[in-house]
Amino acid sequence: MNQIIVTTPEELRLIVKEAVIGLTSQREEPKPESNSVNLETALQVLSENGYPTSKGKSKQLTTKLLFFTHNILLSKV
């Protein structure tokens, strides 16, 4: 422990990088989070949070939202 080791910043970065990779490679890689959800999962989350709905109702609301958004975009042209 009383040894002094002289190294360059590049060598030190490499040593630290290899040590970190060695530690993280032993762990299971986390799955990347998705920014989308399927219809069944969305309906389940809505129901669990007090907003019960159905596939038909969600499709109807989506159609209304798309129509509303389309009209807003056209009015700005």
N, C-alpha and C. Protein backbone atom coordinates (compact mmCIF):
# COMPACT_ATOMS: atom_id res chain seq x y z
N MET A 1 0.81 -1.19 0.00
CA MET A 1 0.00 0.00 0.00
C MET A 1 0.86 1.26 0.00
N ASN A 2 2.10 1.15 0.35
CA ASN A 2 2.99 2.30 0.39
C ASN A 2 3.64 2.56 -0.97
N GLN A 3 3.23 1.81 -1.97
CA GLN A 3 3.81 1.98 -3.31
C GLN A 3 3.18 3.18 -3.99
N ILE A 4 3.97 3.94 -4.70
CA ILE A 4 3.46 5.04 -5.51
C ILE A 4 3.57 4.60 -6.96
N ILE A 5 2.45 4.67 -7.64
CA ILE A 5 2.42 4.27 -9.05
C ILE A 5 2.19 5.53 -9.87
N VAL A 6 3.02 5.74 -10.84
CA VAL A 6 2.90 6.89 -11.72
C VAL A 6 2.29 6.41 -13.03
N THR A 7 1.26 7.10 -13.47
CA THR A 7 0.57 6.71 -14.70
C THR A 7 0.05 7.97 -15.39
N THR A 8 -0.34 7.82 -16.62
CA THR A 8 -0.91 8.94 -17.37
C THR A 8 -2.42 8.97 -17.15
N PRO A 9 -3.04 10.10 -17.39
CA PRO A 9 -4.50 10.17 -17.26
C PRO A 9 -5.22 9.15 -18.16
N GLU A 10 -4.68 8.92 -19.36
CA GLU A 10 -5.29 7.95 -20.29
C GLU A 10 -5.24 6.54 -19.71
N GLU A 11 -4.07 6.18 -19.15
CA GLU A 11 -3.95 4.84 -18.56
C GLU A 11 -4.88 4.69 -17.36
N LEU A 12 -5.01 5.73 -16.57
CA LEU A 12 -5.90 5.69 -15.41
C LEU A 12 -7.35 5.53 -15.84
N ARG A 13 -7.75 6.26 -16.88
CA ARG A 13 -9.11 6.12 -17.42
C ARG A 13 -9.37 4.69 -17.87
N LEU A 14 -8.41 4.10 -18.56
CA LEU A 14 -8.54 2.72 -19.05
C LEU A 14 -8.67 1.74 -17.89
N ILE A 15 -7.86 1.92 -16.86
CA ILE A 15 -7.92 1.03 -15.69
C ILE A 15 -9.29 1.13 -15.02
N VAL A 16 -9.77 2.36 -14.83
CA VAL A 16 -11.08 2.55 -14.19
C VAL A 16 -12.19 1.98 -15.08
N LYS A 17 -12.10 2.23 -16.37
CA LYS A 17 -13.12 1.73 -17.31
C LYS A 17 -13.19 0.21 -17.26
N GLU A 18 -12.06 -0.46 -17.29
CA GLU A 18 -12.03 -1.93 -17.25
C GLU A 18 -12.60 -2.45 -15.93
N ALA A 19 -12.30 -1.76 -14.83
CA ALA A 19 -12.83 -2.17 -13.53
C ALA A 19 -14.35 -2.01 -13.48
N VAL A 20 -14.85 -0.92 -14.02
CA VAL A 20 -16.29 -0.68 -14.02
C VAL A 20 -16.99 -1.68 -14.93
N ILE A 21 -16.44 -1.93 -16.10
CA ILE A 21 -17.02 -2.91 -17.02
C ILE A 21 -17.06 -4.29 -16.37
N GLY A 22 -16.00 -4.62 -15.65
CA GLY A 22 -15.97 -5.90 -14.95
C GLY A 22 -17.06 -6.02 -13.92
N LEU A 23 -17.37 -4.94 -13.24
CA LEU A 23 -18.43 -4.96 -12.23
C LEU A 23 -19.82 -4.99 -12.87
N THR A 24 -20.01 -4.21 -13.92
CA THR A 24 -21.34 -4.12 -14.52
C THR A 24 -21.67 -5.32 -15.39
N SER A 25 -20.66 -5.99 -15.94
CA SER A 25 -20.94 -7.14 -16.80
C SER A 25 -21.46 -8.32 -15.99
N GLN A 26 -21.24 -8.32 -14.68
CA GLN A 26 -21.73 -9.39 -13.83
C GLN A 26 -23.22 -9.23 -13.53
N ARG A 27 -23.73 -8.04 -13.69
CA ARG A 27 -25.14 -7.77 -13.44
C ARG A 27 -25.95 -7.99 -14.71
N GLU A 28 -27.23 -8.25 -14.51
CA GLU A 28 -28.12 -8.40 -15.66
C GLU A 28 -28.42 -7.02 -16.22
N GLU A 29 -28.34 -6.90 -17.52
CA GLU A 29 -28.59 -5.62 -18.17
C GLU A 29 -30.08 -5.28 -18.05
N PRO A 30 -30.42 -4.06 -17.63
CA PRO A 30 -31.83 -3.68 -17.55
C PRO A 30 -32.42 -3.51 -18.95
N LYS A 31 -33.69 -3.82 -19.07
CA LYS A 31 -34.36 -3.65 -20.35
C LYS A 31 -34.65 -2.17 -20.55
N PRO A 32 -34.46 -1.67 -21.76
CA PRO A 32 -34.77 -0.26 -22.00
C PRO A 32 -36.27 -0.01 -21.86
N GLU A 33 -36.61 1.14 -21.30
CA GLU A 33 -38.01 1.48 -21.13
C GLU A 33 -38.60 1.87 -22.48
N SER A 34 -39.81 1.46 -22.67
CA SER A 34 -40.50 1.77 -23.91
C SER A 34 -41.37 3.01 -23.71
N ASN A 35 -41.50 3.79 -24.73
CA ASN A 35 -42.35 4.98 -24.67
C ASN A 35 -43.76 4.69 -25.19
N SER A 36 -44.06 3.42 -25.38
CA SER A 36 -45.38 3.06 -25.87
C SER A 36 -45.98 1.98 -24.98
N VAL A 37 -47.26 1.79 -25.13
CA VAL A 37 -47.98 0.79 -24.35
C VAL A 37 -49.06 0.18 -25.25
N ASN A 38 -49.34 -1.11 -25.03
CA ASN A 38 -50.38 -1.70 -25.85
C ASN A 38 -51.75 -1.39 -25.25
N LEU A 39 -52.79 -1.65 -25.99
CA LEU A 39 -54.14 -1.28 -25.58
C LEU A 39 -54.58 -1.97 -24.30
N GLU A 40 -54.28 -3.26 -24.17
CA GLU A 40 -54.69 -4.01 -22.97
C GLU A 40 -54.05 -3.43 -21.72
N THR A 41 -52.76 -3.11 -21.80
CA THR A 41 -52.07 -2.54 -20.65
C THR A 41 -52.63 -1.16 -20.31
N ALA A 42 -52.91 -0.36 -21.31
CA ALA A 42 -53.47 0.97 -21.08
C ALA A 42 -54.83 0.86 -20.40
N LEU A 43 -55.67 -0.06 -20.87
CA LEU A 43 -56.99 -0.24 -20.27
C LEU A 43 -56.88 -0.70 -18.82
N GLN A 44 -55.92 -1.58 -18.55
CA GLN A 44 -55.71 -2.07 -17.19
C GLN A 44 -55.26 -0.93 -16.27
N VAL A 45 -54.31 -0.12 -16.72
CA VAL A 45 -53.83 1.00 -15.91
C VAL A 45 -54.96 2.00 -15.66
N LEU A 46 -55.74 2.30 -16.69
CA LEU A 46 -56.85 3.22 -16.51
C LEU A 46 -57.86 2.68 -15.51
N SER A 47 -58.17 1.41 -15.61
CA SER A 47 -59.12 0.78 -14.69
C SER A 47 -58.60 0.79 -13.26
N GLU A 48 -57.33 0.48 -13.07
CA GLU A 48 -56.72 0.47 -11.73
C GLU A 48 -56.72 1.85 -11.09
N ASN A 49 -56.74 2.90 -11.92
CA ASN A 49 -56.70 4.26 -11.41
C ASN A 49 -58.07 4.94 -11.42
N GLY A 50 -59.11 4.14 -11.51
CA GLY A 50 -60.46 4.69 -11.39
C GLY A 50 -61.07 5.21 -12.67
N TYR A 51 -60.55 4.82 -13.81
CA TYR A 51 -61.10 5.24 -15.10
C TYR A 51 -61.46 4.01 -15.93
N PRO A 52 -62.47 3.25 -15.52
CA PRO A 52 -62.81 2.04 -16.29
C PRO A 52 -63.31 2.41 -17.69
N THR A 53 -62.84 1.70 -18.66
CA THR A 53 -63.23 1.94 -20.05
C THR A 53 -63.12 0.62 -20.81
N SER A 54 -63.44 0.66 -22.07
CA SER A 54 -63.39 -0.54 -22.91
C SER A 54 -62.58 -0.24 -24.17
N LYS A 55 -62.33 -1.28 -24.96
CA LYS A 55 -61.60 -1.08 -26.21
C LYS A 55 -62.37 -0.16 -27.14
N GLY A 56 -63.67 -0.40 -27.24
CA GLY A 56 -64.50 0.42 -28.14
C GLY A 56 -64.52 1.88 -27.73
N LYS A 57 -64.67 2.12 -26.43
CA LYS A 57 -64.71 3.49 -25.93
C LYS A 57 -63.36 4.18 -26.16
N SER A 58 -62.25 3.47 -25.93
CA SER A 58 -60.94 4.08 -26.13
C SER A 58 -60.70 4.40 -27.60
N LYS A 59 -61.15 3.54 -28.49
CA LYS A 59 -61.01 3.80 -29.93
C LYS A 59 -61.86 5.00 -30.34
N GLN A 60 -63.06 5.09 -29.75
CA GLN A 60 -63.95 6.21 -30.05
C GLN A 60 -63.32 7.53 -29.58
N LEU A 61 -62.76 7.53 -28.38
CA LEU A 61 -62.11 8.73 -27.86
C LEU A 61 -60.87 9.10 -28.68
N THR A 62 -60.12 8.09 -29.12
CA THR A 62 -58.94 8.35 -29.94
C THR A 62 -59.34 8.98 -31.27
N THR A 63 -60.40 8.48 -31.87
CA THR A 63 -60.89 9.03 -33.13
C THR A 63 -61.31 10.49 -32.95
N LYS A 64 -62.01 10.79 -31.86
CA LYS A 64 -62.42 12.16 -31.59
C LYS A 64 -61.21 13.06 -31.38
N LEU A 65 -60.22 12.56 -30.66
CA LEU A 65 -59.02 13.35 -30.41
C LEU A 65 -58.27 13.63 -31.71
N LEU A 66 -58.14 12.61 -32.56
CA LEU A 66 -57.46 12.80 -33.84
C LEU A 66 -58.20 13.80 -34.71
N PHE A 67 -59.54 13.72 -34.73
CA PHE A 67 -60.35 14.63 -35.52
C PHE A 67 -60.18 16.05 -34.99
N PHE A 68 -60.22 16.21 -33.66
CA PHE A 68 -60.06 17.52 -33.03
C PHE A 68 -58.68 18.10 -33.35
N THR A 69 -57.63 17.30 -33.20
CA THR A 69 -56.27 17.75 -33.48
C THR A 69 -56.10 18.12 -34.94
N HIS A 70 -56.67 17.31 -35.82
CA HIS A 70 -56.60 17.58 -37.26
C HIS A 70 -57.24 18.93 -37.58
N ASN A 71 -58.40 19.21 -36.98
CA ASN A 71 -59.08 20.48 -37.24
C ASN A 71 -58.29 21.66 -36.71
N ILE A 72 -57.66 21.51 -35.58
CA ILE A 72 -56.83 22.59 -35.03
C ILE A 72 -55.65 22.88 -35.96
N LEU A 73 -55.00 21.82 -36.43
CA LEU A 73 -53.86 22.00 -37.31
C LEU A 73 -54.27 22.67 -38.62
N LEU A 74 -55.42 22.28 -39.15
CA LEU A 74 -55.89 22.88 -40.41
C LEU A 74 -56.28 24.34 -40.23
N SER A 75 -56.80 24.69 -39.06
CA SER A 75 -57.20 26.08 -38.84
C SER A 75 -56.00 27.02 -38.74
N LYS A 76 -54.82 26.47 -38.45
CA LYS A 76 -53.62 27.29 -38.34
C LYS A 76 -52.91 27.47 -39.67
N VAL A 77 -53.37 26.79 -40.70
CA VAL A 77 -52.70 26.85 -42.01
C VAL A 77 -53.20 28.04 -42.79
